[in-house]
Amino acid sequence: EYAVDYMKKNGRLSRKIFKISETVHSKKERTVTREHSFKVISTKKFYPGTHGLAILINGKELASRTFTLYKAT
């Protein structure tokens, strides 16, 4: 799973969790590629500011980074 912490209008972050896959792997290392769109849509408004991205495995956050969204396209 991965989580995106969206900047809300009031300046707070709101976390949304997305599923990548649910499988059992025997290897300790696996490459996974995923794209996430910030395209302007009618049902969600994206606000500029610092957003977050986290990788979750078995419900535990293993890595996280922040990024700045200047303008949704």
PDB file of N, CA and C in Angstrom:
ATOM      1  N   GLU A   1       0.839  -1.171   0.000  1.00  0.00           N
ATOM      2  CA  GLU A   1       0.000   0.000   0.000  1.00  0.00           C
ATOM      3  C   GLU A   1       0.882   1.232   0.000  1.00  0.00           C
ATOM      4  N   TYR A   2       0.303   2.319  -0.429  1.00  0.00           N
ATOM      5  CA  TYR A   2       0.978   3.597  -0.285  1.00  0.00           C
ATOM      6  C   TYR A   2      -0.045   4.625   0.164  1.00  0.00           C
ATOM      7  N   ALA A   3       0.436   5.645   0.837  1.00  0.00           N
ATOM      8  CA  ALA A   3      -0.448   6.675   1.370  1.00  0.00           C
ATOM      9  C   ALA A   3      -0.014   8.029   0.839  1.00  0.00           C
ATOM     10  N   VAL A   4      -0.989   8.851   0.513  1.00  0.00           N
ATOM     11  CA  VAL A   4      -0.730  10.224   0.104  1.00  0.00           C
ATOM     12  C   VAL A   4      -1.376  11.127   1.155  1.00  0.00           C
ATOM     13  N   ASP A   5      -0.576  12.019   1.694  1.00  0.00           N
ATOM     14  CA  ASP A   5      -1.077  13.007   2.645  1.00  0.00           C
ATOM     15  C   ASP A   5      -1.362  14.283   1.862  1.00  0.00           C
ATOM     16  N   TYR A   6      -2.640  14.514   1.591  1.00  0.00           N
ATOM     17  CA  TYR A   6      -3.062  15.671   0.791  1.00  0.00           C
ATOM     18  C   TYR A   6      -3.170  16.917   1.668  1.00  0.00           C
ATOM     19  N   MET A   7      -2.718  18.034   1.143  1.00  0.00           N
ATOM     20  CA  MET A   7      -2.897  19.325   1.806  1.00  0.00           C
ATOM     21  C   MET A   7      -4.352  19.738   1.612  1.00  0.00           C
ATOM     22  N   LYS A   8      -5.009  20.087   2.721  1.00  0.00           N
ATOM     23  CA  LYS A   8      -6.386  20.556   2.644  1.00  0.00           C
ATOM     24  C   LYS A   8      -6.408  22.086   2.607  1.00  0.00           C
ATOM     25  N   LYS A   9      -7.573  22.639   2.351  1.00  0.00           N
ATOM     26  CA  LYS A   9      -7.728  24.085   2.266  1.00  0.00           C
ATOM     27  C   LYS A   9      -7.326  24.782   3.567  1.00  0.00           C
ATOM     28  N   ASN A  10      -7.580  24.136   4.712  1.00  0.00           N
ATOM     29  CA  ASN A  10      -7.273  24.743   6.007  1.00  0.00           C
ATOM     30  C   ASN A  10      -5.809  24.577   6.419  1.00  0.00           C
ATOM     31  N   GLY A  11      -4.973  23.958   5.564  1.00  0.00           N
ATOM     32  CA  GLY A  11      -3.548  23.805   5.852  1.00  0.00           C
ATOM     33  C   GLY A  11      -3.169  22.504   6.532  1.00  0.00           C
ATOM     34  N   ARG A  12      -4.146  21.701   6.896  1.00  0.00           N
ATOM     35  CA  ARG A  12      -3.872  20.405   7.508  1.00  0.00           C
ATOM     36  C   ARG A  12      -3.716  19.334   6.432  1.00  0.00           C
ATOM     37  N   LEU A  13      -3.112  18.208   6.826  1.00  0.00           N
ATOM     38  CA  LEU A  13      -2.953  17.086   5.909  1.00  0.00           C
ATOM     39  C   LEU A  13      -4.039  16.049   6.155  1.00  0.00           C
ATOM     40  N   SER A  14      -4.482  15.419   5.083  1.00  0.00           N
ATOM     41  CA  SER A  14      -5.481  14.362   5.156  1.00  0.00           C
ATOM     42  C   SER A  14      -4.927  13.147   4.415  1.00  0.00           C
ATOM     43  N   ARG A  15      -4.798  12.011   5.116  1.00  0.00           N
ATOM     44  CA  ARG A  15      -4.186  10.816   4.537  1.00  0.00           C
ATOM     45  C   ARG A  15      -5.219   9.958   3.813  1.00  0.00           C
ATOM     46  N   LYS A  16      -4.834   9.503   2.623  1.00  0.00           N
ATOM     47  CA  LYS A  16      -5.639   8.552   1.839  1.00  0.00           C
ATOM     48  C   LYS A  16      -4.719   7.395   1.483  1.00  0.00           C
ATOM     49  N   ILE A  17      -5.166   6.166   1.771  1.00  0.00           N
ATOM     50  CA  ILE A  17      -4.351   4.973   1.531  1.00  0.00           C
ATOM     51  C   ILE A  17      -4.832   4.279   0.255  1.00  0.00           C
ATOM     52  N   PHE A  18      -3.877   3.894  -0.588  1.00  0.00           N
ATOM     53  CA  PHE A  18      -4.153   3.229  -1.847  1.00  0.00           C
ATOM     54  C   PHE A  18      -3.486   1.857  -1.856  1.00  0.00           C
ATOM     55  N   LYS A  19      -4.165   0.897  -2.415  1.00  0.00           N
ATOM     56  CA  LYS A  19      -3.647  -0.469  -2.500  1.00  0.00           C
ATOM     57  C   LYS A  19      -2.789  -0.610  -3.754  1.00  0.00           C
ATOM     58  N   ILE A  20      -1.610  -1.226  -3.604  1.00  0.00           N
ATOM     59  CA  ILE A  20      -0.767  -1.553  -4.761  1.00  0.00           C
ATOM     60  C   ILE A  20      -1.029  -2.999  -5.145  1.00  0.00           C
ATOM     61  N   SER A  21      -0.783  -3.920  -4.215  1.00  0.00           N
ATOM     62  CA  SER A  21      -1.073  -5.329  -4.457  1.00  0.00           C
ATOM     63  C   SER A  21      -1.116  -6.062  -3.130  1.00  0.00           C
ATOM     64  N   GLU A  22      -1.679  -7.241  -3.162  1.00  0.00           N
ATOM     65  CA  GLU A  22      -1.749  -8.057  -1.955  1.00  0.00           C
ATOM     66  C   GLU A  22      -1.325  -9.471  -2.336  1.00  0.00           C
ATOM     67  N   THR A  23      -0.045  -9.766  -2.147  1.00  0.00           N
ATOM     68  CA  THR A  23       0.503 -11.076  -2.478  1.00  0.00           C
ATOM     69  C   THR A  23       1.570 -11.441  -1.452  1.00  0.00           C
ATOM     70  N   VAL A  24       1.955 -12.711  -1.455  1.00  0.00           N
ATOM     71  CA  VAL A  24       3.033 -13.187  -0.597  1.00  0.00           C
ATOM     72  C   VAL A  24       4.254 -13.386  -1.483  1.00  0.00           C
ATOM     73  N   HIS A  25       5.382 -12.849  -1.052  1.00  0.00           N
ATOM     74  CA  HIS A  25       6.616 -12.946  -1.831  1.00  0.00           C
ATOM     75  C   HIS A  25       7.687 -13.650  -1.022  1.00  0.00           C
ATOM     76  N   SER A  26       8.416 -14.543  -1.680  1.00  0.00           N
ATOM     77  CA  SER A  26       9.499 -15.236  -1.003  1.00  0.00           C
ATOM     78  C   SER A  26      10.785 -14.409  -1.023  1.00  0.00           C
ATOM     79  N   LYS A  27      10.929 -13.537  -2.000  1.00  0.00           N
ATOM     80  CA  LYS A  27      12.111 -12.684  -2.075  1.00  0.00           C
ATOM     81  C   LYS A  27      12.009 -11.551  -1.060  1.00  0.00           C
ATOM     82  N   LYS A  28      13.159 -11.063  -0.614  1.00  0.00           N
ATOM     83  CA  LYS A  28      13.169  -9.924   0.297  1.00  0.00           C
ATOM     84  C   LYS A  28      13.104  -8.610  -0.453  1.00  0.00           C
ATOM     85  N   GLU A  29      13.330  -8.654  -1.757  1.00  0.00           N
ATOM     86  CA  GLU A  29      13.358  -7.419  -2.533  1.00  0.00           C
ATOM     87  C   GLU A  29      12.481  -7.564  -3.772  1.00  0.00           C
ATOM     88  N   ARG A  30      11.704  -6.521  -4.046  1.00  0.00           N
ATOM     89  CA  ARG A  30      10.818  -6.533  -5.210  1.00  0.00           C
ATOM     90  C   ARG A  30      10.654  -5.107  -5.687  1.00  0.00           C
ATOM     91  N   THR A  31      10.646  -4.926  -6.986  1.00  0.00           N
ATOM     92  CA  THR A  31      10.451  -3.605  -7.564  1.00  0.00           C
ATOM     93  C   THR A  31       8.989  -3.436  -7.954  1.00  0.00           C
ATOM     94  N   VAL A  32       8.403  -2.342  -7.506  1.00  0.00           N
ATOM     95  CA  VAL A  32       7.011  -2.029  -7.813  1.00  0.00           C
ATOM     96  C   VAL A  32       6.972  -0.612  -8.360  1.00  0.00           C
ATOM     97  N   THR A  33       6.255  -0.419  -9.444  1.00  0.00           N
ATOM     98  CA  THR A  33       6.119   0.907 -10.050  1.00  0.00           C
ATOM     99  C   THR A  33       4.658   1.314 -10.008  1.00  0.00           C
ATOM    100  N   ARG A  34       4.436   2.555  -9.623  1.00  0.00           N
ATOM    101  CA  ARG A  34       3.067   3.063  -9.545  1.00  0.00           C
ATOM    102  C   ARG A  34       3.062   4.553  -9.859  1.00  0.00           C
ATOM    103  N   GLU A  35       2.103   5.018 -10.622  1.00  0.00           N
ATOM    104  CA  GLU A  35       1.932   6.442 -10.893  1.00  0.00           C
ATOM    105  C   GLU A  35       0.686   6.940 -10.185  1.00  0.00           C
ATOM    106  N   HIS A  36       0.740   8.190  -9.751  1.00  0.00           N
ATOM    107  CA  HIS A  36      -0.401   8.791  -9.067  1.00  0.00           C
ATOM    108  C   HIS A  36      -0.671  10.146  -9.709  1.00  0.00           C
ATOM    109  N   SER A  37      -1.876  10.370 -10.160  1.00  0.00           N
ATOM    110  CA  SER A  37      -2.220  11.580 -10.894  1.00  0.00           C
ATOM    111  C   SER A  37      -2.718  12.693  -9.970  1.00  0.00           C
ATOM    112  N   PHE A  38      -2.264  13.906 -10.256  1.00  0.00           N
ATOM    113  CA  PHE A  38      -2.786  15.102  -9.592  1.00  0.00           C
ATOM    114  C   PHE A  38      -3.508  15.977 -10.617  1.00  0.00           C
ATOM    115  N   LYS A  39      -4.090  15.322 -11.598  1.00  0.00           N
ATOM    116  CA  LYS A  39      -4.840  16.014 -12.635  1.00  0.00           C
ATOM    117  C   LYS A  39      -6.108  16.610 -12.022  1.00  0.00           C
ATOM    118  N   VAL A  40      -6.462  17.803 -12.447  1.00  0.00           N
ATOM    119  CA  VAL A  40      -7.657  18.476 -11.935  1.00  0.00           C
ATOM    120  C   VAL A  40      -8.896  17.675 -12.352  1.00  0.00           C
ATOM    121  N   ILE A  41      -9.715  17.317 -11.347  1.00  0.00           N
ATOM    122  CA  ILE A  41     -10.962  16.598 -11.596  1.00  0.00           C
ATOM    123  C   ILE A  41     -12.086  17.291 -10.835  1.00  0.00           C
ATOM    124  N   SER A  42     -13.315  16.998 -11.205  1.00  0.00           N
ATOM    125  CA  SER A  42     -14.450  17.711 -10.607  1.00  0.00           C
ATOM    126  C   SER A  42     -14.753  17.259  -9.178  1.00  0.00           C
ATOM    127  N   THR A  43     -14.333  16.062  -8.788  1.00  0.00           N
ATOM    128  CA  THR A  43     -14.684  15.542  -7.470  1.00  0.00           C
ATOM    129  C   THR A  43     -13.617  15.772  -6.402  1.00  0.00           C
ATOM    130  N   LYS A  44     -12.457  16.271  -6.770  1.00  0.00           N
ATOM    131  CA  LYS A  44     -11.382  16.496  -5.798  1.00  0.00           C
ATOM    132  C   LYS A  44     -10.599  17.734  -6.186  1.00  0.00           C
ATOM    133  N   LYS A  45     -10.330  18.577  -5.216  1.00  0.00           N
ATOM    134  CA  LYS A  45      -9.544  19.776  -5.459  1.00  0.00           C
ATOM    135  C   LYS A  45      -8.189  19.599  -4.787  1.00  0.00           C
ATOM    136  N   PHE A  46      -7.117  19.870  -5.504  1.00  0.00           N
ATOM    137  CA  PHE A  46      -5.768  19.766  -4.971  1.00  0.00           C
ATOM    138  C   PHE A  46      -5.261  21.156  -4.643  1.00  0.00           C
ATOM    139  N   TYR A  47      -4.760  21.314  -3.424  1.00  0.00           N
ATOM    140  CA  TYR A  47      -4.270  22.610  -2.975  1.00  0.00           C
ATOM    141  C   TYR A  47      -2.753  22.620  -3.004  1.00  0.00           C
ATOM    142  N   PRO A  48      -2.166  23.761  -3.375  1.00  0.00           N
ATOM    143  CA  PRO A  48      -0.713  23.848  -3.388  1.00  0.00           C
ATOM    144  C   PRO A  48      -0.154  23.780  -1.968  1.00  0.00           C
ATOM    145  N   GLY A  49       1.063  23.274  -1.861  1.00  0.00           N
ATOM    146  CA  GLY A  49       1.716  23.177  -0.565  1.00  0.00           C
ATOM    147  C   GLY A  49       2.472  21.876  -0.431  1.00  0.00           C
ATOM    148  N   THR A  50       2.910  21.577   0.779  1.00  0.00           N
ATOM    149  CA  THR A  50       3.685  20.371   1.046  1.00  0.00           C
ATOM    150  C   THR A  50       2.753  19.201   1.308  1.00  0.00           C
ATOM    151  N   HIS A  51       2.886  18.183   0.492  1.00  0.00           N
ATOM    152  CA  HIS A  51       2.115  16.951   0.603  1.00  0.00           C
ATOM    153  C   HIS A  51       3.069  15.845   1.042  1.00  0.00           C
ATOM    154  N   GLY A  52       2.540  14.694   1.409  1.00  0.00           N
ATOM    155  CA  GLY A  52       3.380  13.589   1.850  1.00  0.00           C
ATOM    156  C   GLY A  52       3.089  12.320   1.069  1.00  0.00           C
ATOM    157  N   LEU A  53       4.082  11.445   1.036  1.00  0.00           N
ATOM    158  CA  LEU A  53       3.956  10.143   0.393  1.00  0.00           C
ATOM    159  C   LEU A  53       4.619   9.122   1.302  1.00  0.00           C
ATOM    160  N   ALA A  54       3.948   8.006   1.566  1.00  0.00           N
ATOM    161  CA  ALA A  54       4.489   6.977   2.448  1.00  0.00           C
ATOM    162  C   ALA A  54       4.256   5.600   1.844  1.00  0.00           C
ATOM    163  N   ILE A  55       5.197   4.706   2.082  1.00  0.00           N
ATOM    164  CA  ILE A  55       5.080   3.310   1.664  1.00  0.00           C
ATOM    165  C   ILE A  55       4.713   2.498   2.903  1.00  0.00           C
ATOM    166  N   LEU A  56       3.646   1.701   2.783  1.00  0.00           N
ATOM    167  CA  LEU A  56       3.160   0.878   3.894  1.00  0.00           C
ATOM    168  C   LEU A  56       3.271  -0.594   3.512  1.00  0.00           C
ATOM    169  N   ILE A  57       3.864  -1.386   4.384  1.00  0.00           N
ATOM    170  CA  ILE A  57       3.922  -2.830   4.180  1.00  0.00           C
ATOM    171  C   ILE A  57       3.412  -3.486   5.451  1.00  0.00           C
ATOM    172  N   ASN A  58       2.412  -4.337   5.286  1.00  0.00           N
ATOM    173  CA  ASN A  58       1.746  -4.991   6.420  1.00  0.00           C
ATOM    174  C   ASN A  58       1.251  -3.972   7.439  1.00  0.00           C
ATOM    175  N   GLY A  59       0.775  -2.835   6.955  1.00  0.00           N
ATOM    176  CA  GLY A  59       0.209  -1.814   7.816  1.00  0.00           C
ATOM    177  C   GLY A  59       1.219  -0.925   8.518  1.00  0.00           C
ATOM    178  N   LYS A  60       2.511  -1.167   8.297  1.00  0.00           N
ATOM    179  CA  LYS A  60       3.547  -0.371   8.937  1.00  0.00           C
ATOM    180  C   LYS A  60       4.206   0.558   7.923  1.00  0.00           C
ATOM    181  N   GLU A  61       4.401   1.794   8.332  1.00  0.00           N
ATOM    182  CA  GLU A  61       5.036   2.784   7.458  1.00  0.00           C
ATOM    183  C   GLU A  61       6.541   2.535   7.442  1.00  0.00           C
ATOM    184  N   LEU A  62       7.077   2.195   6.253  1.00  0.00           N
ATOM    185  CA  LEU A  62       8.501   1.888   6.141  1.00  0.00           C
ATOM    186  C   LEU A  62       9.318   3.057   5.619  1.00  0.00           C
ATOM    187  N   ALA A  63       8.723   3.904   4.808  1.00  0.00           N
ATOM    188  CA  ALA A  63       9.448   5.049   4.260  1.00  0.00           C
ATOM    189  C   ALA A  63       8.449   6.154   3.973  1.00  0.00           C
ATOM    190  N   SER A  64       8.910   7.395   4.092  1.00  0.00           N
ATOM    191  CA  SER A  64       8.036   8.523   3.760  1.00  0.00           C
ATOM    192  C   SER A  64       8.877   9.690   3.270  1.00  0.00           C
ATOM    193  N   ARG A  65       8.275  10.491   2.431  1.00  0.00           N
ATOM    194  CA  ARG A  65       8.905  11.689   1.883  1.00  0.00           C
ATOM    195  C   ARG A  65       7.833  12.756   1.716  1.00  0.00           C
ATOM    196  N   THR A  66       8.272  13.990   1.662  1.00  0.00           N
ATOM    197  CA  THR A  66       7.355  15.082   1.366  1.00  0.00           C
ATOM    198  C   THR A  66       7.696  15.647  -0.001  1.00  0.00           C
ATOM    199  N   PHE A  67       6.720  16.287  -0.608  1.00  0.00           N
ATOM    200  CA  PHE A  67       6.930  16.954  -1.889  1.00  0.00           C
ATOM    201  C   PHE A  67       6.034  18.179  -1.929  1.00  0.00           C
ATOM    202  N   THR A  68       6.391  19.124  -2.765  1.00  0.00           N
ATOM    203  CA  THR A  68       5.638  20.363  -2.875  1.00  0.00           C
ATOM    204  C   THR A  68       4.848  20.355  -4.172  1.00  0.00           C
ATOM    205  N   LEU A  69       3.556  20.590  -4.047  1.00  0.00           N
ATOM    206  CA  LEU A  69       2.691  20.725  -5.209  1.00  0.00           C
ATOM    207  C   LEU A  69       2.462  22.223  -5.416  1.00  0.00           C
ATOM    208  N   TYR A  70       2.900  22.720  -6.551  1.00  0.00           N
ATOM    209  CA  TYR A  70       2.768  24.141  -6.819  1.00  0.00           C
ATOM    210  C   TYR A  70       1.428  24.463  -7.470  1.00  0.00           C
ATOM    211  N   LYS A  71       1.014  23.641  -8.420  1.00  0.00           N
ATOM    212  CA  LYS A  71      -0.258  23.848  -9.106  1.00  0.00           C
ATOM    213  C   LYS A  71      -0.674  22.531  -9.741  1.00  0.00           C
ATOM    214  N   ALA A  72      -1.893  22.080  -9.497  1.00  0.00           N
ATOM    215  CA  ALA A  72      -2.385  20.850 -10.110  1.00  0.00           C
ATOM    216  C   ALA A  72      -2.666  21.127 -11.577  1.00  0.00           C
ATOM    217  N   THR A  73      -2.330  20.148 -12.420  1.00  0.00           N
ATOM    218  CA  THR A  73      -2.553  20.318 -13.866  1.00  0.00           C
ATOM    219  C   THR A  73      -3.596  19.371 -14.376  1.00  0.00           C
TER     220      THR A  73
END
